[in-house]
Amino acid sequence: MAQFSGFSLSEVDAPAPNDTITLEATPAPLWSQDARLIAKRVSAPDFSGTVTLDWSGLGEGDVAGLAVHQDATRWLSIQVERIEPADLIAVRLHDGPGGVTAGRLVFTTALGGSFDRKVRLRIDGEDGRARLLFAQRHGLWQILAEDVPLPVSAGARPDLVLFATDGADPAPPRK
């Protein structure tokens, strides 16, 4: 189970709401048509999306995070991955059909114990490129990856989504 709070999408820094969203980790990953997502439509080409993730309820192998999601074949995520012996924060990109179903790993780093199993995640989009950042609850933003192409078809408006999967990465369906 992952708990998210302060989910916001804005063109300027605005106060985040004080709501909490709880997602049970499900077997359907981002690349699945059955993925369970909480979404907000991105209505402008330049945007900033933020959320605070409490990953204390995630089990071994679970993954939860924030993503720009056009469909099951086009998404960019910043996510917490519970992989023993460390909790990781990773950026993954899936830009079109084929490729690694879990998304190509762009960058990853370990989350230290000082994070107390809570982390703020942020994706800034500008001119078709993204910057992905993370921070401790009251700390400064740290850039994890920048100048990453947004995996969005020309003219499409993606969603900013929250997701939680149970880490069992089933094989993609056969066509």
C-alpha atoms as a PDB file:
ATOM      1  CA  MET A   1       0.000   0.000   0.000  1.00  0.00           C
ATOM      2  CA  ALA A   2       1.259   3.468  -0.892  1.00  0.00           C
ATOM      3  CA  GLN A   3      -0.106   6.706   0.523  1.00  0.00           C
ATOM      4  CA  PHE A   4       0.118   9.905  -1.497  1.00  0.00           C
ATOM      5  CA  SER A   5      -0.635  13.420  -0.303  1.00  0.00           C
ATOM      6  CA  GLY A   6      -0.475  16.900  -1.759  1.00  0.00           C
ATOM      7  CA  PHE A   7      -1.037  15.704  -5.363  1.00  0.00           C
ATOM      8  CA  SER A   8      -0.987  18.832  -7.484  1.00  0.00           C
ATOM      9  CA  LEU A   9      -0.575  19.865 -11.078  1.00  0.00           C
ATOM     10  CA  SER A  10       0.098  23.480 -11.815  1.00  0.00           C
ATOM     11  CA  GLU A  11       1.694  25.941 -14.161  1.00  0.00           C
ATOM     12  CA  VAL A  12       3.027  27.918 -11.189  1.00  0.00           C
ATOM     13  CA  ASP A  13       3.869  26.910  -7.627  1.00  0.00           C
ATOM     14  CA  ALA A  14       0.541  26.777  -5.822  1.00  0.00           C
ATOM     15  CA  PRO A  15      -0.278  25.433  -2.355  1.00  0.00           C
ATOM     16  CA  ALA A  16      -0.949  21.706  -2.456  1.00  0.00           C
ATOM     17  CA  PRO A  17      -4.194  20.294  -1.079  1.00  0.00           C
ATOM     18  CA  ASN A  18      -4.062  18.391   2.214  1.00  0.00           C
ATOM     19  CA  ASP A  19      -5.810  15.281   0.931  1.00  0.00           C
ATOM     20  CA  THR A  20      -4.472  11.738   1.210  1.00  0.00           C
ATOM     21  CA  ILE A  21      -4.852   9.105  -1.501  1.00  0.00           C
ATOM     22  CA  THR A  22      -4.190   5.456  -0.654  1.00  0.00           C
ATOM     23  CA  LEU A  23      -3.428   2.951  -3.416  1.00  0.00           C
ATOM     24  CA  GLU A  24      -3.100  -0.777  -2.861  1.00  0.00           C
ATOM     25  CA  ALA A  25      -0.213  -2.201  -4.867  1.00  0.00           C
ATOM     26  CA  THR A  26      -1.730  -4.206  -7.722  1.00  0.00           C
ATOM     27  CA  PRO A  27      -0.189  -6.670 -10.165  1.00  0.00           C
ATOM     28  CA  ALA A  28      -0.947  -4.386 -13.145  1.00  0.00           C
ATOM     29  CA  PRO A  29       2.161  -2.292 -13.968  1.00  0.00           C
ATOM     30  CA  LEU A  30       2.240   0.981 -15.916  1.00  0.00           C
ATOM     31  CA  TRP A  31       2.608  -0.823 -19.241  1.00  0.00           C
ATOM     32  CA  SER A  32      -0.591  -2.788 -18.651  1.00  0.00           C
ATOM     33  CA  GLN A  33      -3.979  -1.759 -20.035  1.00  0.00           C
ATOM     34  CA  ASP A  34      -5.279  -2.787 -16.582  1.00  0.00           C
ATOM     35  CA  ALA A  35      -3.042  -0.442 -14.581  1.00  0.00           C
ATOM     36  CA  ARG A  36      -4.916   1.316 -11.786  1.00  0.00           C
ATOM     37  CA  LEU A  37      -3.988   4.989 -11.952  1.00  0.00           C
ATOM     38  CA  ILE A  38      -5.112   8.165 -10.221  1.00  0.00           C
ATOM     39  CA  ALA A  39      -4.850  10.789 -12.953  1.00  0.00           C
ATOM     40  CA  LYS A  40      -4.974  14.513 -13.591  1.00  0.00           C
ATOM     41  CA  ARG A  41      -5.007  15.684 -17.215  1.00  0.00           C
ATOM     42  CA  VAL A  42      -2.041  17.844 -18.247  1.00  0.00           C
ATOM     43  CA  SER A  43      -3.734  20.703 -20.090  1.00  0.00           C
ATOM     44  CA  ALA A  44      -0.722  22.884 -20.876  1.00  0.00           C
ATOM     45  CA  PRO A  45       2.590  22.009 -22.555  1.00  0.00           C
ATOM     46  CA  ASP A  46       4.533  23.422 -19.589  1.00  0.00           C
ATOM     47  CA  PHE A  47       3.589  22.009 -16.176  1.00  0.00           C
ATOM     48  CA  SER A  48       4.816  20.998 -12.749  1.00  0.00           C
ATOM     49  CA  GLY A  49       3.385  18.032 -10.843  1.00  0.00           C
ATOM     50  CA  THR A  50       4.229  17.178  -7.241  1.00  0.00           C
ATOM     51  CA  VAL A  51       3.209  14.629  -4.634  1.00  0.00           C
ATOM     52  CA  THR A  52       4.400  13.367  -1.255  1.00  0.00           C
ATOM     53  CA  LEU A  53       4.719   9.579  -1.156  1.00  0.00           C
ATOM     54  CA  ASP A  54       4.650   7.572   2.087  1.00  0.00           C
ATOM     55  CA  TRP A  55       6.101   4.223   1.056  1.00  0.00           C
ATOM     56  CA  SER A  56       6.103   2.617   4.524  1.00  0.00           C
ATOM     57  CA  GLY A  57       3.226   0.321   3.478  1.00  0.00           C
ATOM     58  CA  LEU A  58       4.943  -1.034   0.365  1.00  0.00           C
ATOM     59  CA  GLY A  59       6.196  -4.599   0.456  1.00  0.00           C
ATOM     60  CA  GLU A  60       9.411  -6.065  -0.923  1.00  0.00           C
ATOM     61  CA  GLY A  61       9.474  -5.620  -4.703  1.00  0.00           C
ATOM     62  CA  ASP A  62       6.654  -3.054  -4.751  1.00  0.00           C
ATOM     63  CA  VAL A  63       6.941   0.132  -6.791  1.00  0.00           C
ATOM     64  CA  ALA A  64       5.018   3.403  -6.401  1.00  0.00           C
ATOM     65  CA  GLY A  65       5.404   6.859  -7.845  1.00  0.00           C
ATOM     66  CA  LEU A  66       4.445   9.719 -10.102  1.00  0.00           C
ATOM     67  CA  ALA A  67       4.372   9.507 -13.903  1.00  0.00           C
ATOM     68  CA  VAL A  68       3.537  11.422 -17.050  1.00  0.00           C
ATOM     69  CA  HIS A  69       1.391   8.821 -18.818  1.00  0.00           C
ATOM     70  CA  GLN A  70      -0.020   9.009 -22.344  1.00  0.00           C
ATOM     71  CA  ASP A  71      -0.893   5.322 -22.579  1.00  0.00           C
ATOM     72  CA  ALA A  72       0.523   1.873 -21.767  1.00  0.00           C
ATOM     73  CA  THR A  73       3.352   2.372 -24.287  1.00  0.00           C
ATOM     74  CA  ARG A  74       4.343   5.976 -23.527  1.00  0.00           C
ATOM     75  CA  TRP A  75       5.198   7.099 -19.989  1.00  0.00           C
ATOM     76  CA  LEU A  76       7.934   8.626 -17.845  1.00  0.00           C
ATOM     77  CA  SER A  77       8.051   7.944 -14.097  1.00  0.00           C
ATOM     78  CA  ILE A  78       9.878   8.879 -10.942  1.00  0.00           C
ATOM     79  CA  GLN A  79       9.280   6.048  -8.493  1.00  0.00           C
ATOM     80  CA  VAL A  80      10.288   4.365  -5.266  1.00  0.00           C
ATOM     81  CA  GLU A  81      11.362   0.740  -5.763  1.00  0.00           C
ATOM     82  CA  ARG A  82      11.451  -1.494  -2.645  1.00  0.00           C
ATOM     83  CA  ILE A  83      14.342  -3.765  -3.581  1.00  0.00           C
ATOM     84  CA  GLU A  84      16.335  -5.230  -0.697  1.00  0.00           C
ATOM     85  CA  PRO A  85      18.833  -4.337   0.597  1.00  0.00           C
ATOM     86  CA  ALA A  86      17.982  -0.725  -0.303  1.00  0.00           C
ATOM     87  CA  ASP A  87      14.993   1.424  -1.121  1.00  0.00           C
ATOM     88  CA  LEU A  88      15.675   3.093  -4.457  1.00  0.00           C
ATOM     89  CA  ILE A  89      14.334   6.112  -6.259  1.00  0.00           C
ATOM     90  CA  ALA A  90      14.399   5.622 -10.007  1.00  0.00           C
ATOM     91  CA  VAL A  91      13.489   7.375 -13.231  1.00  0.00           C
ATOM     92  CA  ARG A  92      12.122   5.079 -15.958  1.00  0.00           C
ATOM     93  CA  LEU A  93      11.106   5.910 -19.534  1.00  0.00           C
ATOM     94  CA  HIS A  94       8.951   3.909 -21.949  1.00  0.00           C
ATOM     95  CA  ASP A  95       8.676   5.688 -25.294  1.00  0.00           C
ATOM     96  CA  GLY A  96       6.584   3.622 -27.668  1.00  0.00           C
ATOM     97  CA  PRO A  97       5.767  -0.012 -28.372  1.00  0.00           C
ATOM     98  CA  GLY A  98       8.459  -2.604 -27.744  1.00  0.00           C
ATOM     99  CA  GLY A  99      11.478  -2.222 -25.517  1.00  0.00           C
ATOM    100  CA  VAL A 100      11.732  -3.107 -21.853  1.00  0.00           C
ATOM    101  CA  THR A 101       8.214  -3.433 -20.456  1.00  0.00           C
ATOM    102  CA  ALA A 102       9.220  -1.965 -17.096  1.00  0.00           C
ATOM    103  CA  GLY A 103      10.699   1.057 -18.877  1.00  0.00           C
ATOM    104  CA  ARG A 104      14.294   1.929 -19.625  1.00  0.00           C
ATOM    105  CA  LEU A 105      16.166   2.908 -16.478  1.00  0.00           C
ATOM    106  CA  VAL A 106      17.344   6.515 -16.869  1.00  0.00           C
ATOM    107  CA  PHE A 107      18.808   7.016 -13.381  1.00  0.00           C
ATOM    108  CA  THR A 108      18.580   5.563  -9.893  1.00  0.00           C
ATOM    109  CA  THR A 109      19.933   6.228  -6.419  1.00  0.00           C
ATOM    110  CA  ALA A 110      19.403   4.814  -2.934  1.00  0.00           C
ATOM    111  CA  LEU A 111      17.096   6.554  -0.460  1.00  0.00           C
ATOM    112  CA  GLY A 112      18.825   6.940   2.874  1.00  0.00           C
ATOM    113  CA  GLY A 113      17.280   6.179   6.241  1.00  0.00           C
ATOM    114  CA  SER A 114      16.934   9.908   6.895  1.00  0.00           C
ATOM    115  CA  PHE A 115      13.933   9.958   4.543  1.00  0.00           C
ATOM    116  CA  ASP A 116      11.747   8.202   7.168  1.00  0.00           C
ATOM    117  CA  ARG A 117       9.918   6.398   4.304  1.00  0.00           C
ATOM    118  CA  LYS A 118       8.425   9.622   2.971  1.00  0.00           C
ATOM    119  CA  VAL A 119       9.619  11.465  -0.110  1.00  0.00           C
ATOM    120  CA  ARG A 120       8.358  14.312  -2.276  1.00  0.00           C
ATOM    121  CA  LEU A 121       8.364  13.610  -6.013  1.00  0.00           C
ATOM    122  CA  ARG A 122       8.172  16.212  -8.779  1.00  0.00           C
ATOM    123  CA  ILE A 123       8.045  16.256 -12.566  1.00  0.00           C
ATOM    124  CA  ASP A 124       8.475  19.551 -14.413  1.00  0.00           C
ATOM    125  CA  GLY A 125       7.669  19.602 -18.136  1.00  0.00           C
ATOM    126  CA  GLU A 126       8.800  22.334 -20.503  1.00  0.00           C
ATOM    127  CA  ASP A 127       9.179  22.413 -24.284  1.00  0.00           C
ATOM    128  CA  GLY A 128       8.715  18.639 -24.584  1.00  0.00           C
ATOM    129  CA  ARG A 129      11.441  17.859 -22.017  1.00  0.00           C
ATOM    130  CA  ALA A 130      11.200  16.858 -18.359  1.00  0.00           C
ATOM    131  CA  ARG A 131      13.112  17.409 -15.162  1.00  0.00           C
ATOM    132  CA  LEU A 132      12.514  14.853 -12.382  1.00  0.00           C
ATOM    133  CA  LEU A 133      13.261  15.784  -8.779  1.00  0.00           C
ATOM    134  CA  PHE A 134      12.879  14.396  -5.266  1.00  0.00           C
ATOM    135  CA  ALA A 135      13.256  15.754  -1.749  1.00  0.00           C
ATOM    136  CA  GLN A 136      12.903  14.854   1.880  1.00  0.00           C
ATOM    137  CA  ARG A 137       9.628  16.099   3.331  1.00  0.00           C
ATOM    138  CA  HIS A 138      11.040  19.486   4.293  1.00  0.00           C
ATOM    139  CA  GLY A 139      14.288  19.429   2.310  1.00  0.00           C
ATOM    140  CA  LEU A 140      15.540  21.016  -0.868  1.00  0.00           C
ATOM    141  CA  TRP A 141      14.697  19.525  -4.254  1.00  0.00           C
ATOM    142  CA  GLN A 142      17.409  17.322  -5.766  1.00  0.00           C
ATOM    143  CA  ILE A 143      17.489  16.773  -9.528  1.00  0.00           C
ATOM    144  CA  LEU A 144      17.507  13.066 -10.348  1.00  0.00           C
ATOM    145  CA  ALA A 145      17.297  13.488 -14.142  1.00  0.00           C
ATOM    146  CA  GLU A 146      16.827  16.417 -16.481  1.00  0.00           C
ATOM    147  CA  ASP A 147      16.399  17.098 -20.171  1.00  0.00           C
ATOM    148  CA  VAL A 148      14.561  13.781 -20.536  1.00  0.00           C
ATOM    149  CA  PRO A 149      12.214  13.704 -23.555  1.00  0.00           C
ATOM    150  CA  LEU A 150       8.547  13.582 -22.592  1.00  0.00           C
ATOM    151  CA  PRO A 151       7.110  10.423 -24.215  1.00  0.00           C
ATOM    152  CA  VAL A 152       4.079  12.129 -25.688  1.00  0.00           C
ATOM    153  CA  SER A 153       2.822  12.009 -29.278  1.00  0.00           C
ATOM    154  CA  ALA A 154       2.539  15.336 -31.102  1.00  0.00           C
ATOM    155  CA  GLY A 155      -0.606  17.169 -30.037  1.00  0.00           C
ATOM    156  CA  ALA A 156      -1.499  14.647 -27.301  1.00  0.00           C
ATOM    157  CA  ARG A 157      -2.262  15.703 -23.731  1.00  0.00           C
ATOM    158  CA  PRO A 158      -1.010  13.102 -21.253  1.00  0.00           C
ATOM    159  CA  ASP A 159      -2.079  12.524 -17.672  1.00  0.00           C
ATOM    160  CA  LEU A 160      -0.033  13.073 -14.543  1.00  0.00           C
ATOM    161  CA  VAL A 161      -0.647   9.841 -12.610  1.00  0.00           C
ATOM    162  CA  LEU A 162      -0.064   8.164  -9.273  1.00  0.00           C
ATOM    163  CA  PHE A 163       0.525   4.418  -9.345  1.00  0.00           C
ATOM    164  CA  ALA A 164       1.479   1.484  -7.108  1.00  0.00           C
ATOM    165  CA  THR A 165       2.342  -2.003  -8.378  1.00  0.00           C
ATOM    166  CA  ASP A 166       3.243  -5.134  -6.479  1.00  0.00           C
ATOM    167  CA  GLY A 167       6.585  -5.703  -8.155  1.00  0.00           C
ATOM    168  CA  ALA A 168       5.647  -8.996  -9.732  1.00  0.00           C
ATOM    169  CA  ASP A 169       6.289  -7.964 -13.338  1.00  0.00           C
ATOM    170  CA  PRO A 170       4.228 -10.439 -15.363  1.00  0.00           C
ATOM    171  CA  ALA A 171       5.087 -11.079 -18.982  1.00  0.00           C
ATOM    172  CA  PRO A 172       3.314  -8.775 -21.431  1.00  0.00           C
ATOM    173  CA  PRO A 173       0.259 -10.274 -23.125  1.00  0.00           C
ATOM    174  CA  ARG A 174       0.887 -12.071 -26.399  1.00  0.00           C
ATOM    175  CA  LYS A 175      -0.594 -10.533 -29.510  1.00  0.00           C
END
